[in-house]
Protein backbone atom coordinates (compact mmCIF):
# COMPACT_ATOMS: atom_id res chain seq x y z
CA MET A 1 0.00 0.00 0.00
CA THR A 2 1.19 3.53 -0.82
CA ALA A 3 -0.06 7.09 -0.57
CA HIS A 4 -1.78 6.55 -3.93
CA ASP A 5 -3.86 3.76 -2.39
CA ILE A 6 -4.65 5.93 0.64
CA ALA A 7 -5.77 8.77 -1.64
CA ARG A 8 -8.48 6.57 -3.13
CA VAL A 9 -10.10 5.81 0.23
CA LEU A 10 -9.29 8.78 2.48
CA PRO A 11 -12.50 10.58 3.54
CA GLU A 12 -13.46 13.99 2.24
CA VAL A 13 -11.90 16.91 4.10
CA PRO A 14 -14.84 17.79 6.41
CA VAL A 15 -15.26 14.15 7.45
CA LEU A 16 -11.55 13.74 8.05
CA ARG A 17 -11.36 16.97 10.06
CA ASP A 18 -14.24 16.02 12.35
CA PHE A 19 -12.87 12.53 12.85
CA CYS A 20 -9.50 13.96 13.84
CA ARG A 21 -11.21 16.30 16.31
CA SER A 22 -13.21 13.50 17.90
CA VAL A 23 -10.15 11.23 18.17
CA ALA A 24 -8.19 14.02 19.87
CA VAL A 25 -10.96 14.53 22.43
CA LEU A 26 -11.30 10.82 23.09
CA GLU A 27 -7.59 10.50 23.72
CA ALA A 28 -7.63 13.57 25.97
CA ILE A 29 -10.19 11.74 28.09
CA LEU A 30 -8.38 8.42 28.06
CA SER A 31 -4.96 9.98 28.65
CA PRO A 32 -4.87 13.25 30.62
CA ASP A 33 -1.07 13.16 30.21
CA TRP A 34 -0.56 14.79 26.79
CA ALA A 35 2.81 13.10 26.28
CA SER A 36 1.18 9.66 26.40
CA ARG A 37 -1.40 10.37 23.69
CA ARG A 38 -1.01 9.52 20.04
CA HIS A 39 -3.49 11.98 18.53
CA SER A 40 -3.95 15.72 19.05
CA PHE A 41 -5.83 18.57 17.39
CA ASP A 42 -4.95 22.26 17.49
CA ALA A 43 -7.64 24.58 16.14
CA GLY A 44 -5.28 27.52 16.61
CA TRP A 45 -2.25 26.05 14.85
CA ALA A 46 -1.80 29.20 12.73
CA PRO A 47 -4.01 32.08 11.57
CA GLY A 48 -6.78 30.48 9.54
CA GLU A 49 -5.30 27.00 9.94
CA GLU A 50 -5.94 23.96 12.12
CA MET A 51 -3.73 20.91 12.55
CA ALA A 52 -4.36 17.30 13.46
CA SER A 53 -1.31 15.31 14.44
CA MET A 54 -0.20 11.83 15.42
CA ARG A 55 3.04 10.63 16.93
CA ASN A 56 3.63 7.09 18.14
CA GLY A 57 6.67 7.68 20.34
CA SER A 58 8.88 5.56 18.10
CA GLY A 59 9.66 8.20 15.51
CA ASP A 60 6.60 7.86 13.28
CA GLU A 61 4.18 10.77 12.86
CA TYR A 62 1.76 12.63 10.65
CA SER A 63 0.41 16.15 10.45
CA ILE A 64 -2.75 17.29 8.67
CA VAL A 65 -3.16 21.01 8.08
CA PHE A 66 -6.71 22.19 7.43
CA MET A 67 -7.21 25.59 5.81
CA ALA A 68 -9.64 27.44 3.58
CA GLY A 69 -7.71 26.23 0.55
CA GLY A 70 -8.11 22.55 1.47
CA ALA A 71 -6.02 20.07 3.44
CA TYR A 72 -2.37 18.97 3.39
CA VAL A 73 -1.21 15.62 4.80
CA ARG A 74 2.41 14.88 5.70
CA GLY A 75 3.43 11.46 7.00
CA PHE A 76 6.78 10.14 8.21
CA ASP A 77 7.65 6.51 8.91
CA HIS A 78 11.22 6.36 10.18
CA GLU A 79 11.68 2.78 8.94
CA ALA A 80 10.14 3.30 5.49
CA ALA A 81 12.22 2.56 2.42
CA MET A 82 11.44 6.11 1.27
CA SER A 83 12.87 7.81 4.35
CA PRO A 84 14.74 11.00 3.40
CA TYR A 85 17.55 9.94 5.72
CA GLY A 86 18.41 7.00 3.52
CA ASN A 87 18.01 8.83 0.24
CA ASP A 88 19.73 12.20 0.65
CA GLY A 89 16.41 14.01 0.89
CA PRO A 90 12.71 13.42 0.22
CA TRP A 91 11.98 10.66 -2.26
CA PRO A 92 11.57 12.08 -5.80
CA GLY A 93 7.99 13.08 -6.51
CA VAL A 94 6.76 13.15 -2.91
CA LEU A 95 6.87 16.95 -2.59
CA ASP A 96 7.68 18.12 -6.11
CA SER A 97 4.13 18.78 -7.31
CA VAL A 98 2.52 20.09 -4.13
CA PRO A 99 0.34 23.05 -5.27
CA ASP A 100 1.25 26.62 -4.35
CA VAL A 101 -1.59 26.87 -1.84
CA PHE A 102 0.22 24.28 0.30
CA ARG A 103 3.84 25.30 -0.33
CA ARG A 104 4.00 27.02 3.05
CA CYS A 105 3.31 23.61 4.60
CA VAL A 106 6.18 22.10 2.64
CA GLU A 107 8.49 24.82 3.98
CA GLU A 108 7.07 24.70 7.53
CA PRO A 109 9.98 24.43 10.04
CA ALA A 110 7.91 22.17 12.31
CA PHE A 111 7.85 19.60 9.50
CA ARG A 112 11.64 19.69 9.05
CA ASP A 113 14.52 18.53 11.21
CA LYS A 114 17.10 20.80 12.81
CA ASP A 115 19.16 20.75 9.60
CA GLY A 116 16.21 21.80 7.44
CA MET A 117 15.52 18.34 6.00
CA PRO A 118 11.80 17.77 5.24
CA VAL A 119 10.69 14.95 7.54
CA VAL A 120 8.37 13.16 5.12
CA THR A 121 7.87 9.81 3.46
CA ALA A 122 4.27 10.32 2.28
CA CYS A 123 2.35 13.41 1.23
CA LEU A 124 -1.23 13.94 0.08
CA TRP A 125 -3.30 17.04 -0.50
CA ARG A 126 -6.78 18.11 -1.53
CA GLU A 127 -7.59 21.62 -2.67
CA ALA A 128 -11.00 23.07 -1.85
CA GLY A 129 -12.25 22.52 -5.41
CA ASP A 130 -10.82 19.03 -5.87
CA ASP A 131 -13.02 15.97 -6.16
CA ALA A 132 -10.29 13.63 -4.89
CA TRP A 133 -7.08 13.53 -2.87
CA ARG A 134 -3.88 14.05 -4.86
CA VAL A 135 -0.39 12.54 -4.67
CA GLY A 136 2.72 13.31 -6.69
CA GLU A 137 4.07 11.17 -9.51
CA ILE A 138 6.27 8.66 -7.71
CA ASP A 139 8.29 5.63 -8.76
CA TYR A 140 8.09 3.49 -5.65
CA PRO A 141 11.01 1.26 -4.66
CA ASP A 142 10.67 -2.37 -5.66
CA GLY A 143 10.08 -5.09 -3.12
CA ALA A 144 8.80 -2.91 -0.25
CA HIS A 145 5.40 -3.85 1.17
CA ASP A 146 4.76 -0.39 2.64
CA PRO A 147 7.44 1.76 0.99
CA ASP A 148 6.27 5.16 2.27
CA GLY A 149 4.69 3.98 5.53
CA SER A 150 1.17 4.92 4.43
CA ALA A 151 -0.47 1.66 5.48
CA HIS A 152 1.12 1.96 8.90
CA LEU A 153 0.55 5.68 9.41
CA PHE A 154 -2.95 6.22 8.06
CA ALA A 155 -4.77 2.99 8.97
CA LEU A 156 -7.14 4.73 11.37
CA LEU A 157 -7.85 7.64 9.00
CA VAL A 158 -9.13 5.43 6.20
CA ASP A 159 -11.59 3.73 8.59
CA PRO A 160 -13.04 6.70 10.52
CA THR A 161 -15.56 4.70 12.54
CA PRO A 162 -16.18 4.34 16.27
CA GLU A 163 -15.42 0.62 16.01
CA ALA A 164 -12.01 1.28 14.46
CA PHE A 165 -11.14 3.73 17.20
CA GLN A 166 -12.25 1.25 19.85
CA ARG A 167 -9.92 -1.39 18.42
CA PHE A 168 -7.05 1.08 18.39
CA ALA A 169 -7.70 2.41 21.89
CA GLU A 170 -8.15 -0.97 23.52
CA ASP A 171 -4.90 -2.16 21.97
CA TYR A 172 -2.95 1.01 22.75
CA TYR A 173 -4.26 1.64 26.27
CA GLU A 174 -4.71 -2.07 27.10
CA MET A 175 -8.11 -1.67 28.68
CA PRO A 176 -11.79 -1.88 27.67
CA VAL A 177 -13.15 1.30 26.03
CA ASP A 178 -16.92 1.78 25.91
CA LEU A 179 -18.23 1.84 22.33
CA ASP A 180 -21.35 3.91 23.10
CA ALA A 181 -19.21 6.62 24.67
CA ILE A 182 -16.98 6.63 21.58
CA ARG A 183 -20.07 6.95 19.38
CA HIS A 184 -21.25 9.92 21.46
CA VAL A 185 -17.99 11.78 20.87
CA HIS A 186 -17.70 10.64 17.26
CA ALA A 187 -21.15 12.15 16.58
CA PHE A 188 -20.10 15.47 18.16
CA ARG A 189 -22.87 15.42 20.70
CA PRO A 190 -22.07 17.79 23.59
CA LEU A 191 -19.74 16.13 26.03
CA THR A 192 -21.26 15.34 29.42
CA GLN A 193 -19.73 14.31 32.70
CA ALA A 194 -21.47 10.94 32.36
CA VAL A 195 -19.67 10.21 29.10
CA VAL A 196 -16.36 11.36 30.54
CA THR A 197 -16.82 9.16 33.60
CA THR A 198 -17.63 6.16 31.42
CA LEU A 199 -14.27 6.57 29.69
CA ASN A 200 -12.23 7.82 32.66
CA ALA A 201 -13.70 7.81 36.16
CA ASP A 202 -10.90 10.04 37.46
CA LEU A 203 -11.56 12.97 35.10
CA THR A 204 -13.99 15.89 35.08
CA LEU A 205 -15.28 18.14 32.34
CA GLU A 206 -13.36 21.00 33.93
CA ASP A 207 -10.15 19.01 33.55
CA LEU A 208 -10.80 18.87 29.81
CA ALA A 209 -11.50 22.56 29.23
CA GLU A 210 -8.26 23.30 27.40
CA ASP A 211 -8.42 20.19 25.24
CA LEU A 212 -12.04 20.85 24.29
CA ALA A 213 -11.21 24.42 23.36
CA GLU A 214 -8.29 23.29 21.19
CA ALA A 215 -10.56 20.88 19.32
CA ARG A 216 -13.52 23.28 19.34
CA TYR A 217 -15.63 20.51 20.78
CA PRO A 218 -18.97 21.31 22.52
CA SER A 219 -19.73 20.35 26.11
CA TRP A 220 -22.41 20.81 28.73
CA THR A 221 -21.27 23.00 31.59
């Protein structure tokens, strides 16, 4: 699987954005310690821009920038055959044809290492007027099952369902996670203390105020 395969099944931008917001809130409830979470959402990433992000603690990550012009997805799998660190820079074609509306994302220092190297193995984008996600023209290396890390990085994004998140969360946090509570958050119904308690008995709505604001998620006060 490659970014081209992901592009065919990745949800439309509004669906993807809302899923990323709900996942960030669910993880904020399950893991009050930000450093232990995989997924986050920052509605104030930059003027007119929001960012969803994932990091797995082992060097793999993605960032999704949402803006009026569309959405830009950058993924990095540190063990991928297309790692820039094994190829003297980003793999040919990964960033070459990114449209001008997203060039600032390509140049973004947060998506580069301390030496200015773009930290990327997979890149997708979708402009506001597009009817599909786009990927550059890439000759993928032979013999690699997941050459750019897309299958590994974006598995949850291509199945944006409560059931998929439950499978992820129960595996990652090694505990049962209530499906009805996930569905409540996934549907963007206002968060209640009862739902919070179902997912984490030690947490209150007040504890989540900052996380809810960052994700622009509604709650009952």
